[in-house]
Protein backbone atom coordinates (compact mmCIF):
# COMPACT_ATOMS: atom_id res chain seq x y z
CA UNK A 1 -244.75 24.80 -108.46
CA UNK A 2 -242.94 23.63 -111.55
CA UNK A 3 -244.99 21.73 -114.10
CA UNK A 4 -242.27 20.17 -116.28
CA UNK A 5 -241.98 16.47 -117.06
CA UNK A 6 -239.18 16.09 -114.51
CA UNK A 7 -239.45 17.22 -110.89
CA UNK A 8 -237.48 20.36 -110.06
CA UNK A 9 -235.18 20.83 -107.08
CA UNK A 10 -233.85 24.00 -105.50
CA UNK A 11 -230.56 22.93 -103.94
CA UNK A 12 -229.74 25.38 -101.14
CA UNK A 13 -225.99 25.68 -100.62
CA UNK A 14 -223.25 28.21 -99.95
CA UNK A 15 -220.43 27.31 -102.31
CA UNK A 16 -218.21 30.03 -100.81
CA UNK A 17 -218.48 28.82 -97.22
CA UNK A 18 -215.09 27.89 -95.79
CA UNK A 19 -215.17 25.01 -93.34
CA UNK A 20 -212.17 23.80 -91.38
CA UNK A 21 -210.73 20.65 -92.92
CA UNK A 22 -213.56 20.20 -95.44
CA UNK A 23 -214.52 21.51 -98.87
CA UNK A 24 -218.28 21.89 -98.72
CA UNK A 25 -218.45 23.24 -102.26
CA UNK A 26 -216.91 20.16 -103.87
CA UNK A 27 -219.46 17.88 -102.25
CA UNK A 28 -222.44 19.94 -103.39
CA UNK A 29 -221.10 20.41 -106.91
CA UNK A 30 -220.84 16.62 -107.12
CA UNK A 31 -224.31 16.03 -105.66
CA UNK A 32 -225.88 18.61 -107.95
CA UNK A 33 -224.32 16.93 -110.98
CA UNK A 34 -225.79 13.58 -109.96
CA UNK A 35 -229.23 14.91 -109.00
CA UNK A 36 -229.49 16.52 -112.45
CA UNK A 37 -229.61 13.01 -113.91
CA UNK A 38 -233.13 12.65 -112.51
CA UNK A 39 -234.29 16.15 -111.53
CA UNK A 40 -234.16 19.67 -112.95
CA UNK A 41 -231.75 21.14 -110.42
CA UNK A 42 -230.81 24.73 -109.59
CA UNK A 43 -228.44 25.94 -106.88
CA UNK A 44 -229.06 28.98 -104.69
CA UNK A 45 -227.56 30.67 -101.65
CA UNK A 46 -229.55 30.30 -98.39
CA UNK A 47 -230.26 34.03 -98.39
CA UNK A 48 -232.14 33.62 -101.70
CA UNK A 49 -234.08 30.47 -100.86
CA UNK A 50 -237.30 32.07 -99.57
CA UNK A 51 -237.69 34.20 -102.70
CA UNK A 52 -237.12 31.27 -105.08
CA UNK A 53 -238.93 28.48 -103.23
CA UNK A 54 -242.30 28.79 -105.01
CA UNK A 55 -240.80 27.94 -108.39
CA UNK A 56 -239.67 24.41 -107.49
CA UNK A 57 -241.19 21.10 -106.52
CA UNK A 58 -238.88 20.74 -103.50
CA UNK A 59 -236.02 22.50 -101.75
CA UNK A 60 -232.99 20.41 -100.76
CA UNK A 61 -230.94 21.96 -97.97
CA UNK A 62 -227.34 20.92 -98.29
CA UNK A 63 -224.03 22.48 -97.25
CA UNK A 64 -225.46 25.90 -96.51
CA UNK A 65 -223.26 26.67 -93.49
CA UNK A 66 -224.35 27.35 -89.90
CA UNK A 67 -227.78 28.96 -89.75
CA UNK A 68 -226.56 31.50 -87.18
CA UNK A 69 -224.71 33.25 -90.04
CA UNK A 70 -228.01 34.03 -91.79
CA UNK A 71 -230.65 33.49 -89.09
CA UNK A 72 -233.10 36.09 -90.42
CA UNK A 73 -233.02 34.62 -93.93
CA UNK A 74 -233.44 31.09 -92.56
CA UNK A 75 -236.43 32.14 -90.46
CA UNK A 76 -237.96 33.75 -93.58
CA UNK A 77 -237.36 30.54 -95.53
CA UNK A 78 -239.10 28.43 -92.88
CA UNK A 79 -242.04 30.84 -92.77
CA UNK A 80 -242.34 30.78 -96.57
CA UNK A 81 -242.16 26.99 -96.67
CA UNK A 82 -245.01 26.78 -94.15
CA UNK A 83 -247.05 29.31 -96.11
CA UNK A 84 -246.62 27.37 -99.36
CA UNK A 85 -246.83 23.94 -97.71
CA UNK A 86 -243.60 23.33 -99.63
CA UNK A 87 -241.65 20.09 -99.67
CA UNK A 88 -238.31 20.58 -97.95
CA UNK A 89 -235.53 18.02 -97.65
CA UNK A 90 -234.82 17.53 -94.85
CA UNK A 91 -238.37 18.26 -93.65
CA UNK A 92 -238.42 21.15 -91.19
CA UNK A 93 -239.78 18.99 -88.37
CA UNK A 94 -236.39 17.75 -87.15
CA UNK A 95 -235.99 17.58 -83.38
CA UNK A 96 -232.18 17.63 -83.26
CA UNK A 97 -229.66 20.25 -84.50
CA UNK A 98 -232.32 21.73 -86.76
CA UNK A 99 -234.05 23.01 -83.62
CA UNK A 100 -230.90 23.96 -81.65
CA UNK A 101 -229.08 22.00 -78.95
CA UNK A 102 -231.91 21.56 -76.44
CA UNK A 103 -232.23 17.94 -77.55
CA UNK A 104 -228.90 17.10 -75.88
CA UNK A 105 -230.31 18.24 -72.54
CA UNK A 106 -233.56 16.34 -73.14
CA UNK A 107 -231.82 13.12 -74.20
CA UNK A 108 -229.43 13.33 -71.26
CA UNK A 109 -232.35 13.70 -68.83
CA UNK A 110 -234.11 10.77 -70.51
CA UNK A 111 -231.14 8.47 -69.97
CA UNK A 112 -230.00 8.10 -73.58
CA UNK A 113 -226.29 7.35 -74.16
CA UNK A 114 -225.22 10.96 -74.77
CA UNK A 115 -222.47 13.11 -73.30
CA UNK A 116 -224.06 14.30 -70.02
CA UNK A 117 -225.51 17.76 -70.69
CA UNK A 118 -227.28 20.38 -68.58
CA UNK A 119 -228.35 23.96 -69.26
CA UNK A 120 -229.20 25.21 -65.77
CA UNK A 121 -227.02 26.19 -62.82
CA UNK A 122 -229.33 24.19 -60.57
CA UNK A 123 -228.55 21.04 -62.56
CA UNK A 124 -224.74 21.24 -62.50
CA UNK A 125 -224.72 18.62 -59.75
CA UNK A 126 -226.11 16.09 -62.25
CA UNK A 127 -222.84 16.13 -64.18
CA UNK A 128 -220.14 13.59 -63.31
CA UNK A 129 -216.89 14.86 -61.87
CA UNK A 130 -214.32 15.57 -64.57
CA UNK A 131 -210.91 17.16 -65.06
CA UNK A 132 -212.57 19.88 -67.12
CA UNK A 133 -215.83 21.01 -68.67
CA UNK A 134 -217.09 22.39 -71.96
CA UNK A 135 -219.44 25.38 -72.08
CA UNK A 136 -221.05 26.33 -75.39
CA UNK A 137 -224.05 28.32 -76.62
CA UNK A 138 -227.22 26.33 -77.11
CA UNK A 139 -227.66 27.97 -80.51
CA UNK A 140 -223.99 27.72 -81.48
CA UNK A 141 -222.34 25.97 -84.41
CA UNK A 142 -218.84 25.21 -85.68
CA UNK A 143 -217.41 25.69 -82.16
CA UNK A 144 -218.50 29.36 -82.03
CA UNK A 145 -218.46 30.55 -78.41
CA UNK A 146 -217.11 27.23 -77.09
CA UNK A 147 -215.06 27.42 -73.87
CA UNK A 148 -213.01 24.87 -71.95
CA UNK A 149 -212.97 25.43 -68.19
CA UNK A 150 -211.68 23.65 -65.09
CA UNK A 151 -215.00 24.08 -63.29
CA UNK A 152 -218.44 25.00 -64.70
CA UNK A 153 -218.53 28.68 -63.76
CA UNK A 154 -221.75 29.68 -65.50
CA UNK A 155 -223.95 32.23 -63.76
CA UNK A 156 -227.74 32.33 -63.42
CA UNK A 157 -227.91 34.82 -66.30
CA UNK A 158 -226.82 31.99 -68.62
CA UNK A 159 -229.65 29.66 -67.58
CA UNK A 160 -231.28 28.10 -70.62
CA UNK A 161 -228.80 29.59 -73.11
CA UNK A 162 -225.58 27.65 -72.41
CA UNK A 163 -224.82 23.93 -72.46
CA UNK A 164 -222.42 22.47 -69.92
CA UNK A 165 -220.77 19.09 -70.45
CA UNK A 166 -217.85 17.23 -68.87
CA UNK A 167 -214.78 16.85 -71.06
CA UNK A 168 -214.76 13.22 -72.16
CA UNK A 169 -211.63 11.10 -72.47
CA UNK A 170 -212.36 9.34 -75.76
CA UNK A 171 -210.47 7.08 -78.14
CA UNK A 172 -211.95 8.43 -81.35
CA UNK A 173 -215.03 10.01 -82.92
CA UNK A 174 -217.25 8.15 -85.35
CA UNK A 175 -220.11 9.25 -87.61
CA UNK A 176 -222.98 7.15 -88.95
CA UNK A 177 -224.77 8.36 -92.09
CA UNK A 178 -228.42 7.59 -92.84
CA UNK A 179 -230.87 8.30 -95.66
CA UNK A 180 -234.38 8.11 -94.26
CA UNK A 181 -233.93 5.31 -91.71
CA UNK A 182 -231.48 3.31 -93.83
CA UNK A 183 -227.84 3.14 -92.77
CA UNK A 184 -225.42 4.01 -95.57
CA UNK A 185 -221.87 4.07 -94.20
CA UNK A 186 -219.73 5.07 -91.22
CA UNK A 187 -216.51 7.04 -90.94
CA UNK A 188 -214.25 7.61 -87.98
CA UNK A 189 -211.39 9.91 -86.99
CA UNK A 190 -208.78 7.57 -85.47
CA UNK A 191 -206.74 10.58 -84.29
CA UNK A 192 -208.83 12.79 -81.95
CA UNK A 193 -206.74 15.86 -82.68
CA UNK A 194 -207.62 15.61 -86.38
CA UNK A 195 -211.44 15.49 -86.37
CA UNK A 196 -211.93 15.66 -90.15
CA UNK A 197 -209.22 13.21 -91.22
CA UNK A 198 -211.75 10.44 -91.65
CA UNK A 199 -211.40 6.80 -92.57
CA UNK A 200 -214.01 4.12 -93.33
CA UNK A 201 -215.32 2.40 -90.23
CA UNK A 202 -216.78 -1.09 -89.99
CA UNK A 203 -219.85 -0.58 -87.80
CA UNK A 204 -220.83 -3.47 -85.55
CA UNK A 205 -224.40 -4.54 -84.86
CA UNK A 206 -224.19 -2.81 -81.47
CA UNK A 207 -222.91 0.38 -83.11
CA UNK A 208 -225.83 0.41 -85.52
CA UNK A 209 -228.34 -0.24 -82.75
CA UNK A 210 -226.90 2.80 -80.96
CA UNK A 211 -227.08 5.03 -84.04
CA UNK A 212 -230.54 3.85 -85.10
CA UNK A 213 -231.97 4.67 -81.67
CA UNK A 214 -231.36 8.38 -82.33
CA UNK A 215 -232.62 8.29 -85.91
CA UNK A 216 -235.80 6.64 -84.61
CA UNK A 217 -236.11 9.23 -81.82
CA UNK A 218 -235.99 12.04 -84.39
CA UNK A 219 -239.03 10.67 -86.31
CA UNK A 220 -238.07 12.25 -89.67
CA UNK A 221 -239.81 10.35 -92.45
CA UNK A 222 -237.35 11.53 -95.11
CA UNK A 223 -233.92 13.04 -95.22
CA UNK A 224 -230.24 12.67 -94.44
CA UNK A 225 -228.99 12.41 -90.88
CA UNK A 226 -225.50 12.10 -89.41
CA UNK A 227 -225.11 10.59 -85.97
CA UNK A 228 -221.83 11.78 -84.41
CA UNK A 229 -220.50 9.85 -81.43
CA UNK A 230 -217.34 9.31 -79.43
CA UNK A 231 -215.89 6.03 -78.19
CA UNK A 232 -214.94 6.51 -74.55
CA UNK A 233 -211.88 5.02 -72.90
CA UNK A 234 -214.24 2.39 -71.44
CA UNK A 235 -215.48 1.41 -74.92
CA UNK A 236 -218.93 3.03 -74.65
CA UNK A 237 -220.42 5.08 -77.47
CA UNK A 238 -221.86 8.47 -76.47
CA UNK A 239 -223.77 10.81 -78.76
CA UNK A 240 -221.96 14.06 -79.55
CA UNK A 241 -224.42 15.49 -82.08
CA UNK A 242 -227.37 14.50 -84.24
CA UNK A 243 -227.13 16.60 -87.41
CA UNK A 244 -230.47 16.71 -89.21
CA UNK A 245 -230.41 20.02 -91.08
CA UNK A 246 -227.40 20.14 -93.41
CA UNK A 247 -225.00 17.35 -92.45
CA UNK A 248 -221.71 17.33 -94.32
CA UNK A 249 -221.35 13.84 -95.80
CA UNK A 250 -217.58 13.43 -96.40
CA UNK A 251 -218.39 11.63 -99.67
CA UNK A 252 -214.79 12.09 -100.77
CA UNK A 253 -213.75 9.75 -97.94
CA UNK A 254 -215.75 6.71 -99.06
CA UNK A 255 -215.12 4.24 -101.87
CA UNK A 256 -216.87 4.82 -105.19
CA UNK A 257 -219.39 1.95 -104.78
CA UNK A 258 -220.43 3.36 -101.39
CA UNK A 259 -220.75 6.85 -102.86
CA UNK A 260 -222.84 5.54 -105.77
CA UNK A 261 -225.11 3.62 -103.41
CA UNK A 262 -225.63 6.76 -101.36
CA UNK A 263 -226.58 8.82 -104.41
CA UNK A 264 -229.01 6.13 -105.58
CA UNK A 265 -230.65 5.98 -102.15
CA UNK A 266 -230.89 9.77 -101.90
CA UNK A 267 -232.59 9.98 -105.30
CA UNK A 268 -235.09 7.31 -104.24
CA UNK A 269 -235.79 9.22 -101.03
CA UNK A 270 -236.44 12.43 -102.96
CA UNK A 271 -238.74 10.67 -105.42
CA UNK A 272 -240.67 9.26 -102.47
CA UNK A 273 -240.94 12.71 -100.91
CA UNK A 274 -242.27 14.12 -104.19
CA UNK A 275 -244.71 11.31 -104.88
């Protein structure tokens, strides 16, 4: 561990990762510049994180790209963090995307307002009738392996490895951003065909109750979470994804006061983690 007067952070990011419609690198360059105001901050690629972890007070996982692109290195990082009892932000106890997509099946079974999801051929009858279905790998990311089909034609060999969902007729997608359990801002994509053309969204009390229910379910004491949902044609919000590992924040889409408030809250969260 570092012993300097200021806490030290290892910010894990892949500045070369190319994401559709987003510039991950810009966001992390900005965040690193602001974290340096309070912390000694160094950036590293996710493949280097395990080797460097011991030299820092905490590791902050940011826009490091889908884990499936460097699964072995990520597993080594998690093992090293457990060995060192290292502080990691977000903590590695997340129950949502951090652990794969099983949570969508579990939440669907438990009656939460999520897009109906099953992962077994025997459970296909639990899905509502729809004009089409989505099949995607349980360990997928960034739409890798995603298929649109007229009928869910998965075979028994796919049991437990594929998610099946009905295609939802929705008005728009909306994301709610939290630091710890505190809501920060919301953004929505008013045009469904342009997912990452985001605009500020005025969340209602009912919207926030919806989003907070998933943040509470995840039980993370610290960290950044993004609750992605869709507004159905009937006006209902349904969970699409709960990103609790390295959620892109779209900070370039919010007003400066909102961005400043987010940075301030993130710094406070990190200080609390390090205390």
